[in-house]
Amino acid sequence: MNRATMPIEIRSVHIAAINLDSFMAIIKTSYSVY
């Protein structure tokens, strides 16, 4: 349980986590660049 407090996270070069929050950030960034 103590080990599980740190979840398994897949990251882009250890910076951005691959999750739905990152997906929304990409959409928002794309709209800003647009």
PDB file of all heavy atoms in Angstrom:
ATOM      1  N   MET A   1       0.824  -1.203   0.000  1.00  0.00           N
ATOM      2  CA  MET A   1       0.000   0.000   0.000  1.00  0.00           C
ATOM      3  C   MET A   1       0.860   1.255   0.000  1.00  0.00           C
ATOM      4  O   MET A   1       0.533   2.256  -0.661  1.00  0.00           O
ATOM      5  CB  MET A   1      -0.944  -0.002   1.201  1.00  0.00           C
ATOM      6  CG  MET A   1      -1.991  -1.105   1.164  1.00  0.00           C
ATOM      7  SD  MET A   1      -3.014  -1.206   2.651  1.00  0.00           S
ATOM      8  CE  MET A   1      -4.007   0.270   2.465  1.00  0.00           C
ATOM      9  N   ASN A   2       1.961   1.222   0.742  1.00  0.00           N
ATOM     10  CA  ASN A   2       2.865   2.372   0.760  1.00  0.00           C
ATOM     11  C   ASN A   2       3.494   2.596  -0.612  1.00  0.00           C
ATOM     12  O   ASN A   2       3.613   3.736  -1.079  1.00  0.00           O
ATOM     13  CB  ASN A   2       3.955   2.152   1.814  1.00  0.00           C
ATOM     14  CG  ASN A   2       4.871   3.350   1.939  1.00  0.00           C
ATOM     15  OD1 ASN A   2       4.442   4.452   2.281  1.00  0.00           O
ATOM     16  ND2 ASN A   2       6.163   3.135   1.666  1.00  0.00           N
ATOM     17  N   ARG A   3       3.857   1.501  -1.287  1.00  0.00           N
ATOM     18  CA  ARG A   3       4.418   1.614  -2.635  1.00  0.00           C
ATOM     19  C   ARG A   3       3.379   2.136  -3.618  1.00  0.00           C
ATOM     20  O   ARG A   3       3.700   2.874  -4.560  1.00  0.00           O
ATOM     21  CB  ARG A   3       4.931   0.243  -3.098  1.00  0.00           C
ATOM     22  CG  ARG A   3       5.513   0.226  -4.515  1.00  0.00           C
ATOM     23  CD  ARG A   3       6.804   1.021  -4.540  1.00  0.00           C
ATOM     24  NE  ARG A   3       7.393   1.033  -5.870  1.00  0.00           N
ATOM     25  CZ  ARG A   3       7.118   1.946  -6.807  1.00  0.00           C
ATOM     26  NH1 ARG A   3       6.227   2.891  -6.554  1.00  0.00           N
ATOM     27  NH2 ARG A   3       7.717   1.906  -7.964  1.00  0.00           N
ATOM     28  N   ALA A   4       2.128   1.793  -3.384  1.00  0.00           N
ATOM     29  CA  ALA A   4       1.059   2.173  -4.308  1.00  0.00           C
ATOM     30  C   ALA A   4       0.677   3.646  -4.214  1.00  0.00           C
ATOM     31  O   ALA A   4      -0.112   4.130  -5.034  1.00  0.00           O
ATOM     32  CB  ALA A   4      -0.175   1.309  -4.061  1.00  0.00           C
ATOM     33  N   THR A   5       1.210   4.363  -3.222  1.00  0.00           N
ATOM     34  CA  THR A   5       0.912   5.801  -3.148  1.00  0.00           C
ATOM     35  C   THR A   5       1.517   6.558  -4.321  1.00  0.00           C
ATOM     36  O   THR A   5       1.078   7.665  -4.646  1.00  0.00           O
ATOM     37  CB  THR A   5       1.445   6.394  -1.824  1.00  0.00           C
ATOM     38  OG1 THR A   5       2.863   6.133  -1.718  1.00  0.00           O
ATOM     39  CG2 THR A   5       0.728   5.778  -0.626  1.00  0.00           C
ATOM     40  N   MET A   6       2.526   5.967  -4.961  1.00  0.00           N
ATOM     41  CA  MET A   6       3.115   6.532  -6.178  1.00  0.00           C
ATOM     42  C   MET A   6       2.619   5.702  -7.360  1.00  0.00           C
ATOM     43  O   MET A   6       3.074   4.584  -7.552  1.00  0.00           O
ATOM     44  CB  MET A   6       4.645   6.511  -6.108  1.00  0.00           C
ATOM     45  CG  MET A   6       5.210   7.399  -5.013  1.00  0.00           C
ATOM     46  SD  MET A   6       4.916   9.158  -5.338  1.00  0.00           S
ATOM     47  CE  MET A   6       5.997   9.399  -6.739  1.00  0.00           C
ATOM     48  N   PRO A   7       1.670   6.207  -8.138  1.00  0.00           N
ATOM     49  CA  PRO A   7       1.074   5.394  -9.210  1.00  0.00           C
ATOM     50  C   PRO A   7       2.040   5.164 -10.369  1.00  0.00           C
ATOM     51  O   PRO A   7       3.071   5.849 -10.495  1.00  0.00           O
ATOM     52  CB  PRO A   7      -0.119   6.241  -9.656  1.00  0.00           C
ATOM     53  CG  PRO A   7       0.294   7.650  -9.359  1.00  0.00           C
ATOM     54  CD  PRO A   7       1.100   7.563  -8.090  1.00  0.00           C
ATOM     55  N   ILE A   8       1.707   4.217 -11.215  1.00  0.00           N
ATOM     56  CA  ILE A   8       2.465   3.978 -12.444  1.00  0.00           C
ATOM     57  C   ILE A   8       2.076   5.061 -13.445  1.00  0.00           C
ATOM     58  O   ILE A   8       0.906   5.165 -13.815  1.00  0.00           O
ATOM     59  CB  ILE A   8       2.166   2.588 -13.037  1.00  0.00           C
ATOM     60  CG1 ILE A   8       2.493   1.497 -12.023  1.00  0.00           C
ATOM     61  CG2 ILE A   8       2.956   2.366 -14.323  1.00  0.00           C
ATOM     62  CD1 ILE A   8       2.063   0.107 -12.470  1.00  0.00           C
ATOM     63  N   GLU A   9       3.037   5.864 -13.848  1.00  0.00           N
ATOM     64  CA  GLU A   9       2.753   6.941 -14.802  1.00  0.00           C
ATOM     65  C   GLU A   9       3.713   6.858 -15.978  1.00  0.00           C
ATOM     66  O   GLU A   9       4.925   6.725 -15.786  1.00  0.00           O
ATOM     67  CB  GLU A   9       2.856   8.315 -14.141  1.00  0.00           C
ATOM     68  CG  GLU A   9       1.644   8.673 -13.310  1.00  0.00           C
ATOM     69  CD  GLU A   9       1.557  10.162 -13.024  1.00  0.00           C
ATOM     70  OE1 GLU A   9       2.589  10.737 -12.641  1.00  0.00           O
ATOM     71  OE2 GLU A   9       0.464  10.733 -13.174  1.00  0.00           O
ATOM     72  N   ILE A  10       3.152   6.932 -17.161  1.00  0.00           N
ATOM     73  CA  ILE A  10       3.951   6.978 -18.382  1.00  0.00           C
ATOM     74  C   ILE A  10       4.139   8.438 -18.736  1.00  0.00           C
ATOM     75  O   ILE A  10       3.173   9.204 -18.807  1.00  0.00           O
ATOM     76  CB  ILE A  10       3.245   6.234 -19.535  1.00  0.00           C
ATOM     77  CG1 ILE A  10       2.824   4.830 -19.084  1.00  0.00           C
ATOM     78  CG2 ILE A  10       4.142   6.170 -20.756  1.00  0.00           C
ATOM     79  CD1 ILE A  10       3.969   3.943 -18.664  1.00  0.00           C
ATOM     80  N   ARG A  11       5.395   8.833 -18.974  1.00  0.00           N
ATOM     81  CA  ARG A  11       5.681  10.255 -19.199  1.00  0.00           C
ATOM     82  C   ARG A  11       6.424  10.473 -20.514  1.00  0.00           C
ATOM     83  O   ARG A  11       7.134   9.588 -20.993  1.00  0.00           O
ATOM     84  CB  ARG A  11       6.512  10.840 -18.051  1.00  0.00           C
ATOM     85  CG  ARG A  11       5.752  10.912 -16.741  1.00  0.00           C
ATOM     86  CD  ARG A  11       6.577  11.544 -15.642  1.00  0.00           C
ATOM     87  NE  ARG A  11       5.768  11.780 -14.454  1.00  0.00           N
ATOM     88  CZ  ARG A  11       5.054  12.883 -14.247  1.00  0.00           C
ATOM     89  NH1 ARG A  11       5.065  13.847 -15.147  1.00  0.00           N
ATOM     90  NH2 ARG A  11       4.345  13.026 -13.150  1.00  0.00           N
ATOM     91  N   SER A  12       6.230  11.656 -21.058  1.00  0.00           N
ATOM     92  CA  SER A  12       6.960  12.085 -22.248  1.00  0.00           C
ATOM     93  C   SER A  12       8.271  12.709 -21.804  1.00  0.00           C
ATOM     94  O   SER A  12       8.275  13.832 -21.270  1.00  0.00           O
ATOM     95  CB  SER A  12       6.121  13.097 -23.038  1.00  0.00           C
ATOM     96  OG  SER A  12       6.859  13.665 -24.082  1.00  0.00           O
ATOM     97  N   VAL A  13       9.385  11.957 -21.999  1.00  0.00           N
ATOM     98  CA  VAL A  13      10.728  12.343 -21.527  1.00  0.00           C
ATOM     99  C   VAL A  13      10.670  12.868 -20.091  1.00  0.00           C
ATOM    100  O   VAL A  13      11.299  13.870 -19.748  1.00  0.00           O
ATOM    101  CB  VAL A  13      11.413  13.361 -22.473  1.00  0.00           C
ATOM    102  CG1 VAL A  13      11.775  12.739 -23.777  1.00  0.00           C
ATOM    103  CG2 VAL A  13      10.544  14.606 -22.711  1.00  0.00           C
ATOM    104  N   HIS A  14       9.891  12.195 -19.240  1.00  0.00           N
ATOM    105  CA  HIS A  14       9.795  12.472 -17.803  1.00  0.00           C
ATOM    106  C   HIS A  14       9.251  13.867 -17.499  1.00  0.00           C
ATOM    107  O   HIS A  14       9.485  14.407 -16.419  1.00  0.00           O
ATOM    108  CB  HIS A  14      11.167  12.298 -17.144  1.00  0.00           C
ATOM    109  CG  HIS A  14      11.797  10.967 -17.408  1.00  0.00           C
ATOM    110  ND1 HIS A  14      11.292   9.788 -16.922  1.00  0.00           N
ATOM    111  CD2 HIS A  14      12.883  10.628 -18.162  1.00  0.00           C
ATOM    112  CE1 HIS A  14      12.048   8.774 -17.327  1.00  0.00           C
ATOM    113  NE2 HIS A  14      13.003   9.256 -18.097  1.00  0.00           N
ATOM    114  N   ILE A  15       8.522  14.466 -18.425  1.00  0.00           N
ATOM    115  CA  ILE A  15       7.975  15.809 -18.195  1.00  0.00           C
ATOM    116  C   ILE A  15       6.458  15.759 -18.125  1.00  0.00           C
ATOM    117  O   ILE A  15       5.863  15.998 -17.079  1.00  0.00           O
ATOM    118  CB  ILE A  15       8.438  16.785 -19.302  1.00  0.00           C
ATOM    119  CG1 ILE A  15       9.971  16.889 -19.310  1.00  0.00           C
ATOM    120  CG2 ILE A  15       7.813  18.160 -19.088  1.00  0.00           C
ATOM    121  CD1 ILE A  15      10.510  17.722 -20.446  1.00  0.00           C
ATOM    122  N   ALA A  16       5.802  15.464 -19.234  1.00  0.00           N
ATOM    123  CA  ALA A  16       4.340  15.450 -19.302  1.00  0.00           C
ATOM    124  C   ALA A  16       3.823  14.035 -19.124  1.00  0.00           C
ATOM    125  O   ALA A  16       4.257  13.110 -19.808  1.00  0.00           O
ATOM    126  CB  ALA A  16       3.864  16.023 -20.637  1.00  0.00           C
ATOM    127  N   ALA A  17       2.910  13.849 -18.183  1.00  0.00           N
ATOM    128  CA  ALA A  17       2.303  12.538 -17.954  1.00  0.00           C
ATOM    129  C   ALA A  17       1.305  12.236 -19.070  1.00  0.00           C
ATOM    130  O   ALA A  17       0.636  13.136 -19.581  1.00  0.00           O
ATOM    131  CB  ALA A  17       1.608  12.510 -16.596  1.00  0.00           C
ATOM    132  N   ILE A  18       1.228  10.968 -19.447  1.00  0.00           N
ATOM    133  CA  ILE A  18       0.297  10.550 -20.495  1.00  0.00           C
ATOM    134  C   ILE A  18      -1.032  10.205 -19.839  1.00  0.00           C
ATOM    135  O   ILE A  18      -1.262   9.080 -19.396  1.00  0.00           O
ATOM    136  CB  ILE A  18       0.857   9.331 -21.269  1.00  0.00           C
ATOM    137  CG1 ILE A  18       2.291   9.594 -21.724  1.00  0.00           C
ATOM    138  CG2 ILE A  18      -0.031   9.018 -22.473  1.00  0.00           C
ATOM    139  CD1 ILE A  18       2.456  10.820 -22.572  1.00  0.00           C
ATOM    140  N   ASN A  19      -1.916  11.195 -19.745  1.00  0.00           N
ATOM    141  CA  ASN A  19      -3.243  10.989 -19.175  1.00  0.00           C
ATOM    142  C   ASN A  19      -4.225  11.961 -19.810  1.00  0.00           C
ATOM    143  O   ASN A  19      -3.860  12.725 -20.711  1.00  0.00           O
ATOM    144  CB  ASN A  19      -3.207  11.144 -17.642  1.00  0.00           C
ATOM    145  CG  ASN A  19      -2.555  12.448 -17.211  1.00  0.00           C
ATOM    146  OD1 ASN A  19      -2.795  13.499 -17.818  1.00  0.00           O
ATOM    147  ND2 ASN A  19      -1.735  12.391 -16.180  1.00  0.00           N
ATOM    148  N   LEU A  20      -5.462  11.944 -19.352  1.00  0.00           N
ATOM    149  CA  LEU A  20      -6.497  12.778 -19.965  1.00  0.00           C
ATOM    150  C   LEU A  20      -6.257  14.264 -19.717  1.00  0.00           C
ATOM    151  O   LEU A  20      -6.673  15.111 -20.517  1.00  0.00           O
ATOM    152  CB  LEU A  20      -7.877  12.363 -19.439  1.00  0.00           C
ATOM    153  CG  LEU A  20      -8.340  10.965 -19.869  1.00  0.00           C
ATOM    154  CD1 LEU A  20      -9.713  10.656 -19.294  1.00  0.00           C
ATOM    155  CD2 LEU A  20      -8.363  10.836 -21.389  1.00  0.00           C
ATOM    156  N   ASP A  21      -5.580  14.609 -18.614  1.00  0.00           N
ATOM    157  CA  ASP A  21      -5.230  16.014 -18.380  1.00  0.00           C
ATOM    158  C   ASP A  21      -4.273  16.520 -19.459  1.00  0.00           C
ATOM    159  O   ASP A  21      -4.398  17.658 -19.929  1.00  0.00           O
ATOM    160  CB  ASP A  21      -4.591  16.178 -16.996  1.00  0.00           C
ATOM    161  CG  ASP A  21      -5.587  15.944 -15.872  1.00  0.00           C
ATOM    162  OD1 ASP A  21      -6.799  16.132 -16.104  1.00  0.00           O
ATOM    163  OD2 ASP A  21      -5.154  15.571 -14.764  1.00  0.00           O
ATOM    164  N   SER A  22      -3.331  15.675 -19.844  1.00  0.00           N
ATOM    165  CA  SER A  22      -2.396  16.050 -20.911  1.00  0.00           C
ATOM    166  C   SER A  22      -3.121  16.186 -22.244  1.00  0.00           C
ATOM    167  O   SER A  22      -2.789  17.052 -23.053  1.00  0.00           O
ATOM    168  CB  SER A  22      -1.285  14.998 -21.025  1.00  0.00           C
ATOM    169  OG  SER A  22      -0.513  14.955 -19.845  1.00  0.00           O
ATOM    170  N   PHE A  23      -4.114  15.317 -22.478  1.00  0.00           N
ATOM    171  CA  PHE A  23      -4.895  15.418 -23.715  1.00  0.00           C
ATOM    172  C   PHE A  23      -5.602  16.771 -23.798  1.00  0.00           C
ATOM    173  O   PHE A  23      -5.574  17.434 -24.844  1.00  0.00           O
ATOM    174  CB  PHE A  23      -5.912  14.282 -23.767  1.00  0.00           C
ATOM    175  CG  PHE A  23      -6.868  14.380 -24.934  1.00  0.00           C
ATOM    176  CD1 PHE A  23      -6.439  14.100 -26.221  1.00  0.00           C
ATOM    177  CD2 PHE A  23      -8.185  14.759 -24.732  1.00  0.00           C
ATOM    178  CE1 PHE A  23      -7.311  14.197 -27.304  1.00  0.00           C
ATOM    179  CE2 PHE A  23      -9.065  14.853 -25.796  1.00  0.00           C
ATOM    180  CZ  PHE A  23      -8.627  14.569 -27.083  1.00  0.00           C
ATOM    181  N   MET A  24      -6.230  17.180 -22.696  1.00  0.00           N
ATOM    182  CA  MET A  24      -6.903  18.477 -22.686  1.00  0.00           C
ATOM    183  C   MET A  24      -5.900  19.618 -22.841  1.00  0.00           C
ATOM    184  O   MET A  24      -6.195  20.622 -23.505  1.00  0.00           O
ATOM    185  CB  MET A  24      -7.685  18.654 -21.386  1.00  0.00           C
ATOM    186  CG  MET A  24      -8.851  17.682 -21.223  1.00  0.00           C
ATOM    187  SD  MET A  24      -9.998  17.720 -22.623  1.00  0.00           S
ATOM    188  CE  MET A  24     -10.514  19.430 -22.598  1.00  0.00           C
ATOM    189  N   ALA A  25      -4.706  19.458 -22.274  1.00  0.00           N
ATOM    190  CA  ALA A  25      -3.675  20.498 -22.417  1.00  0.00           C
ATOM    191  C   ALA A  25      -3.234  20.625 -23.874  1.00  0.00           C
ATOM    192  O   ALA A  25      -2.990  21.735 -24.368  1.00  0.00           O
ATOM    193  CB  ALA A  25      -2.482  20.165 -21.522  1.00  0.00           C
ATOM    194  N   ILE A  26      -3.135  19.480 -24.582  1.00  0.00           N
ATOM    195  CA  ILE A  26      -2.749  19.515 -25.996  1.00  0.00           C
ATOM    196  C   ILE A  26      -3.817  20.235 -26.828  1.00  0.00           C
ATOM    197  O   ILE A  26      -3.506  21.059 -27.685  1.00  0.00           O
ATOM    198  CB  ILE A  26      -2.533  18.087 -26.525  1.00  0.00           C
ATOM    199  CG1 ILE A  26      -1.252  17.507 -25.935  1.00  0.00           C
ATOM    200  CG2 ILE A  26      -2.460  18.056 -28.049  1.00  0.00           C
ATOM    201  CD1 ILE A  26      -1.026  16.058 -26.278  1.00  0.00           C
ATOM    202  N   ILE A  27      -5.087  19.932 -26.565  1.00  0.00           N
ATOM    203  CA  ILE A  27      -6.177  20.578 -27.297  1.00  0.00           C
ATOM    204  C   ILE A  27      -6.172  22.082 -27.040  1.00  0.00           C
ATOM    205  O   ILE A  27      -6.315  22.895 -27.977  1.00  0.00           O
ATOM    206  CB  ILE A  27      -7.537  19.973 -26.893  1.00  0.00           C
ATOM    207  CG1 ILE A  27      -7.581  18.471 -27.235  1.00  0.00           C
ATOM    208  CG2 ILE A  27      -8.676  20.706 -27.577  1.00  0.00           C
ATOM    209  CD1 ILE A  27      -7.398  18.164 -28.698  1.00  0.00           C
ATOM    210  N   LYS A  28      -5.974  22.477 -25.780  1.00  0.00           N
ATOM    211  CA  LYS A  28      -5.946  23.906 -25.453  1.00  0.00           C
ATOM    212  C   LYS A  28      -4.746  24.597 -26.096  1.00  0.00           C
ATOM    213  O   LYS A  28      -4.864  25.719 -26.604  1.00  0.00           O
ATOM    214  CB  LYS A  28      -5.908  24.090 -23.931  1.00  0.00           C
ATOM    215  CG  LYS A  28      -7.201  23.690 -23.230  1.00  0.00           C
ATOM    216  CD  LYS A  28      -7.074  23.839 -21.720  1.00  0.00           C
ATOM    217  CE  LYS A  28      -8.364  23.419 -21.020  1.00  0.00           C
ATOM    218  NZ  LYS A  28      -8.239  23.514 -19.531  1.00  0.00           N
ATOM    219  N   THR A  29      -3.578  23.932 -26.064  1.00  0.00           N
ATOM    220  CA  THR A  29      -2.383  24.506 -26.687  1.00  0.00           C
ATOM    221  C   THR A  29      -2.574  24.661 -28.188  1.00  0.00           C
ATOM    222  O   THR A  29      -2.202  25.689 -28.776  1.00  0.00           O
ATOM    223  CB  THR A  29      -1.157  23.620 -26.406  1.00  0.00           C
ATOM    224  OG1 THR A  29      -0.975  23.491 -24.996  1.00  0.00           O
ATOM    225  CG2 THR A  29       0.099  24.225 -27.019  1.00  0.00           C
ATOM    226  N   SER A  30      -3.162  23.655 -28.826  1.00  0.00           N
ATOM    227  CA  SER A  30      -3.416  23.718 -30.265  1.00  0.00           C
ATOM    228  C   SER A  30      -4.340  24.877 -30.605  1.00  0.00           C
ATOM    229  O   SER A  30      -4.124  25.605 -31.583  1.00  0.00           O
ATOM    230  CB  SER A  30      -4.031  22.403 -30.753  1.00  0.00           C
ATOM    231  OG  SER A  30      -3.175  21.318 -30.494  1.00  0.00           O
ATOM    232  N   TYR A  31      -5.366  25.076 -29.773  1.00  0.00           N
ATOM    233  CA  TYR A  31      -6.297  26.177 -30.022  1.00  0.00           C
ATOM    234  C   TYR A  31      -5.604  27.525 -29.841  1.00  0.00           C
ATOM    235  O   TYR A  31      -5.861  28.477 -30.590  1.00  0.00           O
ATOM    236  CB  TYR A  31      -7.493  26.063 -29.080  1.00  0.00           C
ATOM    237  CG  TYR A  31      -8.551  27.117 -29.315  1.00  0.00           C
ATOM    238  CD1 TYR A  31      -9.370  27.065 -30.448  1.00  0.00           C
ATOM    239  CD2 TYR A  31      -8.718  28.174 -28.414  1.00  0.00           C
ATOM    240  CE1 TYR A  31     -10.330  28.030 -30.671  1.00  0.00           C
ATOM    241  CE2 TYR A  31      -9.672  29.138 -28.631  1.00  0.00           C
ATOM    242  CZ  TYR A  31     -10.485  29.065 -29.768  1.00  0.00           C
ATOM    243  OH  TYR A  31     -11.430  30.029 -29.988  1.00  0.00           O
ATOM    244  N   SER A  32      -4.697  27.613 -28.843  1.00  0.00           N
ATOM    245  CA  SER A  32      -3.970  28.865 -28.619  1.00  0.00           C
ATOM    246  C   SER A  32      -3.063  29.190 -29.810  1.00  0.00           C
ATOM    247  O   SER A  32      -2.998  30.335 -30.266  1.00  0.00           O
ATOM    248  CB  SER A  32      -3.136  28.768 -27.334  1.00  0.00           C
ATOM    249  OG  SER A  32      -3.961  28.549 -26.210  1.00  0.00           O
ATOM    250  N   VAL A  33      -2.367  28.166 -30.324  1.00  0.00           N
ATOM    251  CA  VAL A  33      -1.494  28.371 -31.487  1.00  0.00           C
ATOM    252  C   VAL A  33      -2.322  28.750 -32.707  1.00  0.00           C
ATOM    253  O   VAL A  33      -1.921  29.605 -33.519  1.00  0.00           O
ATOM    254  CB  VAL A  33      -0.652  27.108 -31.761  1.00  0.00           C
ATOM    255  CG1 VAL A  33       0.158  27.271 -33.042  1.00  0.00           C
ATOM    256  CG2 VAL A  33       0.271  26.819 -30.580  1.00  0.00           C
ATOM    257  N   TYR A  34      -3.494  28.132 -32.839  1.00  0.00           N
ATOM    258  CA  TYR A  34      -4.403  28.467 -33.944  1.00  0.00           C
ATOM    259  C   TYR A  34      -4.784  29.948 -33.900  1.00  0.00           C
ATOM    260  O   TYR A  34      -4.815  30.641 -34.919  1.00  0.00           O
ATOM    261  CB  TYR A  34      -5.639  27.593 -33.891  1.00  0.00           C
ATOM    262  CG  TYR A  34      -6.846  28.186 -34.570  1.00  0.00           C
ATOM    263  CD1 TYR A  34      -6.917  28.268 -35.959  1.00  0.00           C
ATOM    264  CD2 TYR A  34      -7.918  28.669 -33.822  1.00  0.00           C
ATOM    265  CE1 TYR A  34      -8.019  28.818 -36.587  1.00  0.00           C
ATOM    266  CE2 TYR A  34      -9.020  29.208 -34.443  1.00  0.00           C
ATOM    267  CZ  TYR A  34      -9.070  29.288 -35.809  1.00  0.00           C
ATOM    268  OH  TYR A  34     -10.159  29.835 -36.424  1.00  0.00           O
TER     269      TYR A  34
END
